[in-house]
Amino acid sequence: MIEIFTVGGGEYIVNVLNAVASWTGAGGYKSLIQVTMVMGLALAVIVLAFNQDWRAWLNWFLGATLIYMCLMVPRMDVHVTDRVNPGLAPANVANVPLGLALMASFTSQVGDYLTRSAELVFGLPDDLNYSKNGMIYGARLMEATRSLRISDPEFASNLDEHVRQCVFYDLLLGRYSMKQLAESDDIWATIAPGSAARAQKFLTRQADDSVTASIVTCRDAYTALSNQWAGLVDTMALSAGRQLYPRQTAALAKTKLLADLPVAYQYLSGVSKNASDIFRQVLTINAMNQAMHGFAGASGTSSVDVFAQTRADIQTERTYASISENAMKWVPILNVVLTVVFYAMFPVIFPLFLMPKTGPVALRGYVTGFFYLAAWGPLFVILHMILMFKGASDVAAAGGGTGLSLATFAGMTDVNRDIGLLAGYLVASVPFLAGGIAKGALAISGQATSYLNPSQNAAEEAAREASTGNVSLGNSNLDNSTVFSRQFSQGALNPSIAYGAPQTRGFTEAGTQTTSFGEAEFATVPNSQYPFTPTLGQDFTSRLSTMASQSRGQSETYSNLAQQSTSSAVTQFNEIRNAYSQGRSAETVSGTGSNDSIGTAYSEVDNASTSLQRQFGLSRRAADDITVSWFLNGEATAGVGGNLGIAEIGAKARGGRNENWTDSDVGIASEDRNRIVGSLQQLSDTRNWSSTREGFLRQTSSSSSSQVSSSASGLSRSLTEAQTYSVEARRAEELASRLENQATWYEGANAAGSLNLSQAYREWGMAEIEANRDYYGPVRFDDINFQMSAQGQLDL
């Protein structure tokens, strides 16, 4: 009996060898060999006939006979030894063809010998060897314990409460320093025995699984938690062991974890403690970190920030773990799969060994494949040795000689995570490294180039961005937010069906709703509602008309003020043009230059003015005034509401400018107003005047020229005033329109009807209270109690 060694997958190899023994011993397979021999004889005879080469027939006959008699006819018993699963059963396979048994046994023994001897030479602790526990076993143990969280909910809550209510306040009171706590290799002993002057909430699970809460001193809580540590560590070791060693029983997994954990920490970080102390230290550090997050959230930090930070930590941890674990998982599995496939393919490709000329070539390639697979084990050991040595030095350096403490925990875990990432990257290179060993060192070059393509592509992309300046970072989609669309606690149990003609609804700034149908249109004017309804009879219609006229007069006044501000802005704009032209001439003489946002603005205005002159026959002065007004205000009108249009600009310009509009200009501006507006609107949209205007205002306000900056300040002030007056004029115009509509409706409606003036009453009442605040005091017009009071009913 010969022995075949494997590192994992022993049960698959046993099943495949049983299948091969069954296939090759059946009568059907022997008939296949006979047919293959006849085909080989026929091919050899053809070669002899056409090539007159008698040695071709003789070489085939001797080679095929020797291969069949030596590799297929003799049978042997095989014992499969799995280094990862020593208790593999069944492990013996009978009647395996000699060729497969010898090749598998020889190559696997070579690989096993090199693996075990390399581990002996490298001098790693026996429990951390690759053949015994897999790749970077020590680093994986450290990573598994780093992410441990207390599974007992009552203990976790009590410990978190103890840290926040007792430990943090001991730090603030100076019982021990943050340096002592951060550098302690036994935090639980450092925070002993707890203060007798402070208290915390303490949860206790009763025999019937109910939980009771009580208030105990910090010292009593510390004593109670200390008594529960041993049971908690035992329970968590059982749970963690089953996760790390799923093939073993719970008891054996727990024993192995408790035995290997001190060895791993001793080798990687120099921590000489037993498994229980390591568990307690790690769990205490994790609990303190969690308590600090919660303490920060309770002391004013947004809970959203705490959630975002915790989520970022978890996401980063999961990303790193998936990168390393995937590579270390599928590459060893690939080795087992390829080994099993090579064993299973023996009876399939054996007939090829019996063919002339191609038989020896196929046999040589098949044997080379076994050596390729045998090279994986030593390569794993070498990479494992490199990574463990690097991990030991880096983790020890991160520990800084103080061992596992709150201060060094983050650094040690980050280094350990980097070791996992590096392991995943290097393990993925084992397949093509083994191929290079089997086929020659030059074969590695082509594989390495393919393997390094991702990093090469990344470097090329970065170099291209750096050289061209086209850097693309953080390509987030902006302005895709849905505002004020939150829905809470909404529900409808009744069925609702709506059908009919399509409708369109629109709202004005005053709140008027217009509903349009295919054949009609309706308007709904908003109105306030109070406990009482003020109404007016027909004799007050004239008062409504008077109020409307006054409001419209205010609108006209504000419109005139807006026009004056716009005219002032146009004047400042032209002054900046003159100063800019002088400055540009000086720059041209001295050979200097600056940002051309100002020049771009004037160029756009000149082009637009020229276009208006050409299209509508306006004079240059009129076209300039209209274009500048539009460019500065974003509209062609100097007023609002349509009361002060392009024609009014010209009319009001008479006598107020150095150059006046002609009668022809005023007439053209009045008759072709809509066409001029459309032309300017098209130019503004296509030429992006809003961006040009912003650049013009920004550069003029920061100009080094005092004349330009002074004019720019006046220009900005005039534009602001124009916008303010425009808003006030619009409000007055809308109020006048509403009052006129109410008066018109009242006059045309039933003489016995009444007009609801709740909205007008509201506006008048609020203005009355604000104007006489010293008399009314801090009352609110919308306060029902005030309206129903004698003062509210009599005074208002």
Foldseek 3Di string as FASTA:
>chain_A
DFEFEDADPLVLQQVLQQVQQVQLPDPVLVVVLVVLLVVQQVVQVVCCVPVVDPVLNVVLVVQLVCCCVQFRPDFAKYFYAHLACRPDPPGIHTGGTPNLRVLRRVLRVVLVVLLVVLCVVLDAPPLQFCSHQHFRVLLVLLLLLLPDEQPDVQLLVLLLQLCQFWVVVCCVVPVDHPVCQFLALQNLVVSPQTDQVTWTKHWDQDPVRDIDIDIHGSRVSSVVSVVCLVVRLQVVLLVSLCVSCVPDDSVVSSVSSQVCNQSSQCQQAVDRDGPSSVSNQSNSLVSNVVSVLVSVCVVDDPPVVSVVVVVVVVVVVVVLCCLLVVLSPVLSVVLSVLVSVLSNCCSVCCSLLSHGPRNVVVVVVSSLSSNLSSVLSSVSRVLSSVLSVVSNVQLNVLSVPSGDGSNSSVSNSVSSSVSSNVNSLVSNLSNLVSVCVSPHVVSSVVVVCVSCVVVVVVVVVVVVCVVVVVDDPDPDDPPPDDPPPDDPDDDDDDDDDDDDFDWDWDADPQGKIWIDTPPDIDIDHDFDDFPDFDWDALVCLVVLLVLLVVLLVLLVVLQVLLLVLLVLLLVLLVLLVVVVVVVVVVCVVVVHDDDCLQVVLVVLLVVQLVVCCVPQVFDSVLSSSQSSSCLLQVFRFSADDPPGGSLNSQVVCVPVDPDHGDPVNSVSCVVCVVVSRVSSVVSCVVVVSVVSSVSNLVDQCVDPDPSSNVSSVSSVVSNVSSVVSRVSSVVSNVSSVVSVVQSVCCVPDDSPDIGGCRRVCLVVVVVVCVVPCVVVPPDDPRDNVLCPDPCNVPVD
